Protein backbone atom coordinates (compact mmCIF):
# COMPACT_ATOMS: atom_id res chain seq x y z
CA MET A 1 192.01 32.20 185.82
CA SER A 2 191.05 35.75 186.62
CA THR A 3 189.18 37.88 184.09
CA ALA A 4 191.15 40.94 185.15
CA GLU A 5 192.97 41.19 181.82
CA ASP A 6 189.90 42.51 180.01
CA LYS A 7 189.16 45.06 182.73
CA ALA A 8 191.69 47.83 182.27
CA TRP A 9 190.27 49.76 185.23
CA LEU A 10 190.51 46.87 187.66
CA ASP A 11 192.84 47.37 190.61
CA VAL A 12 193.53 44.27 192.72
CA ARG A 13 196.55 44.48 194.98
CA ILE A 14 198.46 42.17 197.32
CA PRO A 15 197.69 43.43 200.85
CA GLN A 16 200.40 45.41 202.59
CA ARG A 17 199.79 43.22 205.62
CA LEU A 18 201.08 40.16 203.78
CA PHE A 19 204.35 41.97 203.07
CA ASP A 20 204.60 42.98 206.74
CA GLN A 21 203.95 39.45 207.98
CA GLN A 22 206.53 38.00 205.62
CA ARG A 23 209.08 40.60 206.70
CA THR A 24 208.55 39.94 210.41
CA GLY A 25 208.49 36.15 210.06
CA ALA A 26 204.78 35.73 210.82
CA ILE A 27 204.46 33.91 207.48
CA THR A 28 207.04 32.07 205.40
CA ILE A 29 208.16 32.84 201.85
CA ALA A 30 206.22 29.78 200.71
CA MET A 31 203.07 31.13 202.35
CA PHE A 32 203.59 34.56 200.79
CA MET A 33 204.13 33.12 197.30
CA THR A 34 201.15 30.78 197.67
CA MET A 35 198.87 33.63 198.70
CA SER A 36 200.14 35.78 195.83
CA TRP A 37 199.24 33.15 193.24
CA LEU A 38 195.84 32.50 194.78
CA ARG A 39 195.08 36.22 194.54
CA ARG A 40 196.30 36.20 190.94
CA TRP A 41 193.80 33.46 190.07
CA ALA A 42 190.85 34.69 192.14
CA ASP A 43 187.70 35.93 190.47
CA TRP A 44 187.53 39.60 191.49
CA ARG A 45 183.72 39.43 191.63
CA THR A 46 183.70 36.77 194.36
CA GLY A 47 187.21 36.61 195.83
CA ARG A 48 187.29 32.88 195.09
CA VAL A 49 189.53 30.54 193.11
CA ALA A 50 187.34 27.94 191.44
CA HIS A 51 190.01 25.25 191.07
CA ALA A 52 193.19 25.16 193.16
CA SER A 53 195.69 22.62 194.41
CA ALA A 54 199.13 22.53 195.98
CA GLY A 55 200.47 20.95 192.80
CA GLY A 56 199.03 23.72 190.66
CA VAL A 57 200.51 26.41 192.88
CA ARG A 58 203.89 24.65 192.80
CA THR A 59 203.87 24.57 188.99
CA ALA A 60 202.86 28.26 188.78
CA MET A 61 205.75 29.39 190.98
CA GLY A 62 208.31 27.40 188.98
CA ARG A 63 208.60 24.46 191.38
CA ALA A 64 210.38 26.63 193.91
CA PHE A 65 208.96 24.52 196.77
CA SER A 66 207.80 20.96 197.21
CA VAL A 67 204.12 20.00 197.11
CA ARG A 68 204.32 19.15 200.82
CA THR A 69 205.68 22.62 201.64
CA ILE A 70 202.86 24.30 199.71
CA GLN A 71 200.26 22.04 201.32
CA LEU A 72 201.59 23.13 204.71
CA ALA A 73 201.60 26.77 203.59
CA MET A 74 197.94 26.60 202.55
CA LYS A 75 197.02 24.90 205.81
CA GLN A 76 198.74 27.62 207.83
CA LEU A 77 197.14 30.39 205.74
CA GLU A 78 193.77 28.83 206.49
CA GLU A 79 194.55 28.67 210.22
CA MET A 80 195.44 32.37 210.13
CA GLY A 81 192.17 33.26 208.45
CA TRP A 82 193.57 34.33 205.08
CA ILE A 83 191.79 31.58 203.11
CA THR A 84 189.23 28.79 203.40
CA ARG A 85 189.74 25.60 201.43
CA ASP A 86 186.64 23.64 200.40
CA LEU A 87 188.32 20.28 200.69
CA ILE A 88 186.53 16.96 200.21
CA ASP A 89 187.88 14.09 202.29
CA GLY A 90 189.52 11.43 200.16
CA SER A 91 189.33 13.47 196.94
CA HIS A 92 192.41 14.15 194.82
CA GLU A 93 190.63 16.69 192.61
CA ASP A 94 191.22 20.45 192.61
CA TYR A 95 189.10 22.36 195.11
CA PRO A 96 187.67 25.89 195.49
CA VAL A 97 189.48 28.37 197.74
CA THR A 98 187.85 31.45 199.28
CA LEU A 99 190.13 34.42 199.90
CA HIS A 100 189.16 36.50 202.91
CA ASN A 101 189.40 40.31 203.06
CA TYR A 102 189.81 40.33 199.28
CA LYS A 103 189.87 43.92 198.06
CA TRP A 104 189.30 45.39 194.63
CA ILE A 105 188.67 48.87 193.28
CA ASP A 106 185.92 49.28 190.70
CA GLU A 107 185.72 51.62 187.71
CA TYR A 108 184.14 54.35 189.83
CA GLY A 109 186.91 54.37 192.41
CA GLU A 110 184.77 52.51 194.97
CA GLY A 111 186.60 50.03 197.18
CA HIS A 112 185.09 46.63 197.94
CA ILE A 113 186.22 43.99 200.43
CA LEU A 114 184.85 40.49 199.92
CA ASN A 115 184.57 37.64 202.41
CA PRO A 116 185.66 39.65 205.48
CA LYS A 117 187.12 37.60 208.30
CA PRO A 118 189.35 38.49 211.28
CA CYS A 119 192.78 36.87 211.46
CA VAL A 120 194.73 38.96 213.99
CA GLU A 121 194.70 36.47 216.86
CA LEU A 122 195.88 33.54 214.76
CA ALA A 123 198.49 35.74 213.09
CA ARG A 124 199.83 36.74 216.50
CA LYS A 125 200.17 33.08 217.54
CA VAL A 126 202.15 32.23 214.43
CA ALA A 127 204.33 35.30 214.94
CA ARG A 128 205.12 34.20 218.52
CA LYS A 129 205.97 30.68 217.34
CA VAL A 130 208.42 31.98 214.75
CA THR A 131 209.86 34.43 217.26
CA ARG A 132 210.53 31.70 219.84
CA LYS A 133 212.20 29.58 217.21
CA ASN A 134 214.50 32.38 216.08
CA THR A 135 214.92 33.82 219.62
CA ALA A 136 215.30 37.27 218.11
CA GLU A 137 214.09 40.09 220.34
CA THR A 138 213.89 42.50 217.43
CA THR A 139 211.40 40.22 215.69
CA VAL A 140 209.18 40.23 218.79
CA ASN A 141 209.10 44.01 218.92
CA THR A 142 208.45 44.41 215.19
CA ALA A 143 205.71 41.79 215.02
CA THR A 144 203.96 43.17 218.11
CA SER A 145 204.10 46.69 216.72
CA SER A 146 202.68 45.58 213.39
CA LEU A 147 199.79 43.68 214.95
CA ALA A 148 199.03 46.50 217.37
CA SER A 149 198.77 48.95 214.51
CA ASP A 150 196.23 46.66 212.79
CA GLU A 151 194.11 46.60 215.95
CA ALA A 152 194.31 50.37 216.20
CA CYS A 153 192.78 50.58 212.72
CA GLY A 154 189.76 48.68 213.99
CA GLU A 155 189.74 46.39 210.99
CA GLY A 156 189.40 43.08 212.78
CA GLY A 157 192.19 41.51 210.78
CA GLY A 158 191.31 42.95 207.37
CA GLU A 159 193.62 44.85 205.09
CA HIS A 160 196.49 46.93 206.45
CA CYS A 161 195.40 50.43 207.41
CA ASP A 162 196.78 52.29 204.42
CA LYS A 163 195.24 54.50 201.76
CA ILE A 164 195.05 53.83 198.04
CA LEU A 165 194.72 56.56 195.46
CA HIS A 166 192.68 55.46 192.47
CA LYS A 167 191.44 57.89 189.84
CA GLY A 168 191.79 60.75 192.31
CA THR A 169 189.78 58.99 195.02
CA SER A 170 191.22 58.23 198.46
CA ILE A 171 189.79 55.10 200.03
CA LYS A 172 190.61 53.71 203.46
CA ASN A 173 190.83 49.94 203.47
CA ASN A 174 188.33 49.34 206.23
CA VAL A 175 185.87 46.46 206.06
CA ASN A 176 183.27 48.32 208.12
CA ALA A 177 183.55 51.45 205.99
CA LEU A 178 182.86 49.53 202.80
CA SER A 179 180.09 47.21 203.95
CA PRO A 180 176.48 48.34 204.37
CA ARG A 181 176.06 45.99 207.33
CA GLY A 182 179.04 47.55 209.06
CA ASP A 183 178.27 51.14 208.04
CA GLU A 184 177.89 53.55 210.92
CA SER A 185 175.20 55.48 209.03
CA PRO A 186 171.90 55.62 210.97
CA PRO A 187 169.08 53.34 209.77
CA SER A 188 167.06 56.42 208.83
CA LEU A 189 169.69 57.28 206.22
CA TYR A 190 169.18 53.92 204.53
CA SER A 191 165.44 54.43 204.79
CA ALA A 192 165.82 57.70 202.87
CA LEU A 193 168.02 55.96 200.32
CA ASP A 194 165.41 53.24 199.87
CA ASP A 195 162.90 55.97 199.00
CA VAL A 196 165.29 57.14 196.27
CA TRP A 197 165.69 53.54 195.03
CA GLN A 198 161.91 53.05 194.76
CA HIS A 199 161.66 56.30 192.81
CA TYR A 200 164.45 55.08 190.51
CA LEU A 201 162.65 51.79 189.82
CA LYS A 202 159.47 53.62 188.81
CA ALA A 203 161.25 56.24 186.70
CA THR A 204 163.20 53.62 184.74
CA HIS A 205 160.30 51.14 184.53
CA ARG A 206 162.29 48.39 186.19
CA ASN A 207 160.84 45.27 187.76
CA PRO A 208 161.58 45.34 191.53
CA LYS A 209 161.74 41.54 191.58
CA ARG A 210 164.46 41.46 188.93
CA ASN A 211 166.47 44.44 190.15
CA LYS A 212 168.04 44.00 193.58
CA PHE A 213 169.21 46.91 195.67
CA SER A 214 172.63 45.29 196.01
CA ALA A 215 175.38 46.16 198.47
CA ILE A 216 177.39 47.89 195.71
CA ARG A 217 174.42 50.02 194.69
CA LYS A 218 173.78 50.93 198.32
CA ARG A 219 177.40 51.98 198.82
CA ILE A 220 177.22 54.21 195.75
CA GLY A 221 173.87 55.62 196.85
CA ILE A 222 174.95 56.36 200.40
CA ALA A 223 178.02 58.21 199.13
CA ARG A 224 175.86 60.43 196.90
CA LEU A 225 173.23 60.94 199.63
CA ARG A 226 175.87 62.17 202.05
CA GLU A 227 177.10 64.63 199.45
CA CYS A 228 173.55 65.87 198.89
CA LEU A 229 173.14 66.26 202.66
CA ASP A 230 176.29 68.36 202.81
CA ARG A 231 174.92 70.64 200.10
CA ASN A 232 171.61 71.06 201.91
CA GLY A 233 172.87 71.68 205.42
CA GLY A 234 171.88 68.20 206.57
CA ASN A 235 168.27 68.55 205.40
CA ARG A 236 167.37 64.97 204.49
CA GLU A 237 164.17 65.82 202.63
CA ASN A 238 165.93 68.25 200.30
CA ALA A 239 168.83 65.82 199.81
CA VAL A 240 166.40 63.11 198.68
CA LYS A 241 164.70 65.56 196.32
CA LEU A 242 168.07 66.39 194.79
CA MET A 243 168.80 62.74 194.09
CA LYS A 244 165.33 62.26 192.62
CA LEU A 245 165.92 65.26 190.36
CA ALA A 246 168.96 63.52 188.86
CA ILE A 247 166.84 60.40 188.25
CA ASP A 248 163.99 62.36 186.67
CA ASN A 249 166.35 64.22 184.33
CA MET A 250 167.91 60.97 183.20
CA GLY A 251 164.41 59.62 182.60
CA ARG A 252 163.83 62.50 180.19
CA SER A 253 166.79 61.43 178.05
CA ASP A 254 165.56 59.40 175.08
CA PHE A 255 169.05 58.05 174.52
CA HIS A 256 169.50 56.74 178.08
CA MET A 257 165.97 55.32 178.14
CA GLY A 258 166.59 53.45 174.88
CA CYS A 259 164.11 55.45 172.83
CA ASP A 260 166.65 57.20 170.62
CA VAL A 261 167.78 55.79 167.28
CA LYS A 262 171.40 56.20 168.34
CA SER A 263 170.91 53.93 171.35
CA ASP A 264 169.63 51.16 169.08
CA GLY A 265 167.09 50.14 171.69
CA LYS A 266 169.70 49.66 174.43
CA LYS A 267 169.10 51.41 177.72
CA TYR A 268 171.79 53.29 179.62
CA ASN A 269 169.89 54.01 182.79
CA ASP A 270 171.55 51.76 185.34
CA TRP A 271 171.97 53.15 188.87
CA LYS A 272 175.65 53.81 188.18
CA TYR A 273 174.79 56.04 185.22
CA VAL A 274 173.08 58.42 187.64
CA PHE A 275 175.12 58.10 190.84
CA GLY A 276 178.41 56.51 189.79
CA SER A 277 180.21 59.71 190.84
CA ILE A 278 179.40 63.16 192.21
CA GLU A 279 180.37 64.67 188.84
CA ARG A 280 177.88 62.44 187.02
CA MET A 281 175.10 63.33 189.43
CA GLU A 282 175.89 67.03 189.00
CA GLU A 283 175.62 66.65 185.21
CA TRP A 284 172.11 65.27 185.58
CA TRP A 285 171.11 68.14 187.84
CA GLN A 286 172.07 70.57 185.09
CA ALA A 287 170.85 68.49 182.13
CA TYR A 288 167.55 70.32 181.60
CA THR A 289 168.06 73.51 183.55
CA ARG A 290 170.50 75.30 181.22
């Protein structure tokens, strides 16, 4: 089961593209319902369901379809690129399922897409098959239009190209825009960010071997670095100095460094406490300059 219940800020949604494919006939109602329950059960940290089965999905949806129908639905979803089932030949046990292009919004309004995988081509084939069976010209036009719009978004079969408003932040559901490996930022920008990260490790007395500069931390850092660049007319050196200033000011806070009685020895100096948002970074700039 998902741990979403104890995360009031968590925002995990069923992709708009699934609704569109169900409406146009590219996927069946059974496929739509199966995918909905898999997303309900998925761990939002990994985009995976640890234990799944056609029988379990059937029970969850009130036995609306037969086990065979759900088995077929999961097979077709896998062919389309929506999921990957880690099946073991001959086993009758539950199996893990990976959900591709799984999106969630964290507490800082940052969007994350896990397990990206294109599925446009396979989706188009299924849409054609359904269209030929129904011989409905309107379905052909609608399905083609929907798939063409996905290609125009340049998402390679990820989420539908819409925008989600979360805590005042507008985020485009684009795999490339949310992944450091697909980011169009020049390598030199990440080099500058790495300089900031090394400064952060020293200022907070963290062990580099035990503190990884993860993809999430990089996304947060790049967002703040770009904002610092905007405020300094694109001067990278001054932008880096501005980020380091926020780190240094946090390092001067006994409470955040765990040296204050009120903190009870606990440290509040994680990367997100400095750069979780532009407002938080601005607060650290002003912390000791008033």
